[in-house]
Amino acid sequence: MAGNSRTTFGKRQKERARQEKQAEKAQRRAQRKLQQKEGDDTLASQPSGGPVITYDDEGNPNGLNFDDF
């Protein structure tokens, strides 16, 4: 009977490790979801990485150079 309790203990440890790993994964998913939501908010408030359009004194846009892209 001594061998029987050892396997039960091993199974219990293995199950506990599986549950901990599952909880950590759920926590990481929740963090990613939160960061993604925050990222959407910051992207809307910040300009994109596209070319910067400058205007002359009369309000007409200046031409774009190769360096603007």
C-alpha atoms as a PDB file:
ATOM      1  CA  MET A   1       0.000   0.000   0.000  1.00  0.00           C
ATOM      2  CA  ALA A   2       2.953   2.350   0.460  1.00  0.00           C
ATOM      3  CA  GLY A   3       3.471   2.596  -3.309  1.00  0.00           C
ATOM      4  CA  ASN A   4      -0.154   3.516  -3.777  1.00  0.00           C
ATOM      5  CA  SER A   5       0.023   6.699  -1.666  1.00  0.00           C
ATOM      6  CA  ARG A   6       3.137   7.822  -3.493  1.00  0.00           C
ATOM      7  CA  THR A   7       1.357   7.798  -6.851  1.00  0.00           C
ATOM      8  CA  THR A   8      -1.571   9.693  -5.342  1.00  0.00           C
ATOM      9  CA  PHE A   9       0.822  12.309  -3.966  1.00  0.00           C
ATOM     10  CA  GLY A  10       2.514  12.589  -7.364  1.00  0.00           C
ATOM     11  CA  LYS A  11      -0.821  12.974  -9.088  1.00  0.00           C
ATOM     12  CA  ARG A  12      -1.822  15.650  -6.616  1.00  0.00           C
ATOM     13  CA  GLN A  13       1.420  17.563  -7.225  1.00  0.00           C
ATOM     14  CA  LYS A  14       1.018  17.258 -10.970  1.00  0.00           C
ATOM     15  CA  GLU A  15      -2.580  18.497 -10.816  1.00  0.00           C
ATOM     16  CA  ARG A  16      -1.601  21.433  -8.591  1.00  0.00           C
ATOM     17  CA  ALA A  17       1.189  22.402 -11.007  1.00  0.00           C
ATOM     18  CA  ARG A  18      -1.284  22.214 -13.901  1.00  0.00           C
ATOM     19  CA  GLN A  19      -3.752  24.452 -12.067  1.00  0.00           C
ATOM     20  CA  GLU A  20      -1.037  26.991 -11.214  1.00  0.00           C
ATOM     21  CA  LYS A  21       0.129  27.065 -14.818  1.00  0.00           C
ATOM     22  CA  GLN A  22      -3.452  27.555 -15.993  1.00  0.00           C
ATOM     23  CA  ALA A  23      -3.959  30.424 -13.526  1.00  0.00           C
ATOM     24  CA  GLU A  24      -0.719  32.102 -14.679  1.00  0.00           C
ATOM     25  CA  LYS A  25      -1.836  31.813 -18.305  1.00  0.00           C
ATOM     26  CA  ALA A  26      -5.205  33.360 -17.468  1.00  0.00           C
ATOM     27  CA  GLN A  27      -3.449  36.218 -15.672  1.00  0.00           C
ATOM     28  CA  ARG A  28      -1.150  36.839 -18.666  1.00  0.00           C
ATOM     29  CA  ARG A  29      -4.159  36.828 -20.998  1.00  0.00           C
ATOM     30  CA  ALA A  30      -5.936  39.370 -18.816  1.00  0.00           C
ATOM     31  CA  GLN A  31      -2.831  41.598 -18.753  1.00  0.00           C
ATOM     32  CA  ARG A  32      -2.484  41.426 -22.543  1.00  0.00           C
ATOM     33  CA  LYS A  33      -6.143  42.270 -22.955  1.00  0.00           C
ATOM     34  CA  LEU A  34      -5.751  45.256 -20.616  1.00  0.00           C
ATOM     35  CA  GLN A  35      -2.589  46.449 -22.389  1.00  0.00           C
ATOM     36  CA  GLN A  36      -4.267  46.048 -25.754  1.00  0.00           C
ATOM     37  CA  LYS A  37      -7.193  48.164 -24.591  1.00  0.00           C
ATOM     38  CA  GLU A  38      -4.811  50.829 -23.245  1.00  0.00           C
ATOM     39  CA  GLY A  39      -2.848  50.680 -26.496  1.00  0.00           C
ATOM     40  CA  ASP A  40      -5.992  51.380 -28.511  1.00  0.00           C
ATOM     41  CA  ASP A  41      -6.607  54.503 -26.435  1.00  0.00           C
ATOM     42  CA  THR A  42      -3.058  55.780 -26.856  1.00  0.00           C
ATOM     43  CA  LEU A  43      -2.992  55.072 -30.585  1.00  0.00           C
ATOM     44  CA  ALA A  44      -6.068  57.200 -31.114  1.00  0.00           C
ATOM     45  CA  SER A  45      -4.548  60.145 -29.274  1.00  0.00           C
ATOM     46  CA  GLN A  46      -1.108  59.978 -30.903  1.00  0.00           C
ATOM     47  CA  PRO A  47      -0.418  60.763 -34.563  1.00  0.00           C
ATOM     48  CA  SER A  48       0.602  57.905 -36.796  1.00  0.00           C
ATOM     49  CA  GLY A  49       4.180  57.429 -37.924  1.00  0.00           C
ATOM     50  CA  GLY A  50       3.361  58.737 -41.401  1.00  0.00           C
ATOM     51  CA  PRO A  51       4.871  61.746 -43.125  1.00  0.00           C
ATOM     52  CA  VAL A  52       4.592  65.129 -41.450  1.00  0.00           C
ATOM     53  CA  ILE A  53       2.882  67.684 -43.657  1.00  0.00           C
ATOM     54  CA  THR A  54       4.140  71.222 -43.260  1.00  0.00           C
ATOM     55  CA  TYR A  55       2.459  74.357 -44.553  1.00  0.00           C
ATOM     56  CA  ASP A  56       3.894  77.568 -45.940  1.00  0.00           C
ATOM     57  CA  ASP A  57       2.931  81.104 -44.873  1.00  0.00           C
ATOM     58  CA  GLU A  58      -0.135  81.120 -47.137  1.00  0.00           C
ATOM     59  CA  GLY A  59      -1.484  77.864 -45.695  1.00  0.00           C
ATOM     60  CA  ASN A  60      -0.597  75.707 -48.699  1.00  0.00           C
ATOM     61  CA  PRO A  61       1.025  72.330 -48.005  1.00  0.00           C
ATOM     62  CA  ASN A  62       4.724  72.025 -48.853  1.00  0.00           C
ATOM     63  CA  GLY A  63       5.826  69.203 -51.110  1.00  0.00           C
ATOM     64  CA  LEU A  64       7.045  65.944 -49.618  1.00  0.00           C
ATOM     65  CA  ASN A  65      10.665  64.839 -49.953  1.00  0.00           C
ATOM     66  CA  PHE A  66      12.069  61.350 -50.014  1.00  0.00           C
ATOM     67  CA  ASP A  67      13.222  61.851 -46.412  1.00  0.00           C
ATOM     68  CA  ASP A  68       9.650  62.444 -45.245  1.00  0.00           C
ATOM     69  CA  PHE A  69       8.753  58.761 -45.663  1.00  0.00           C
END
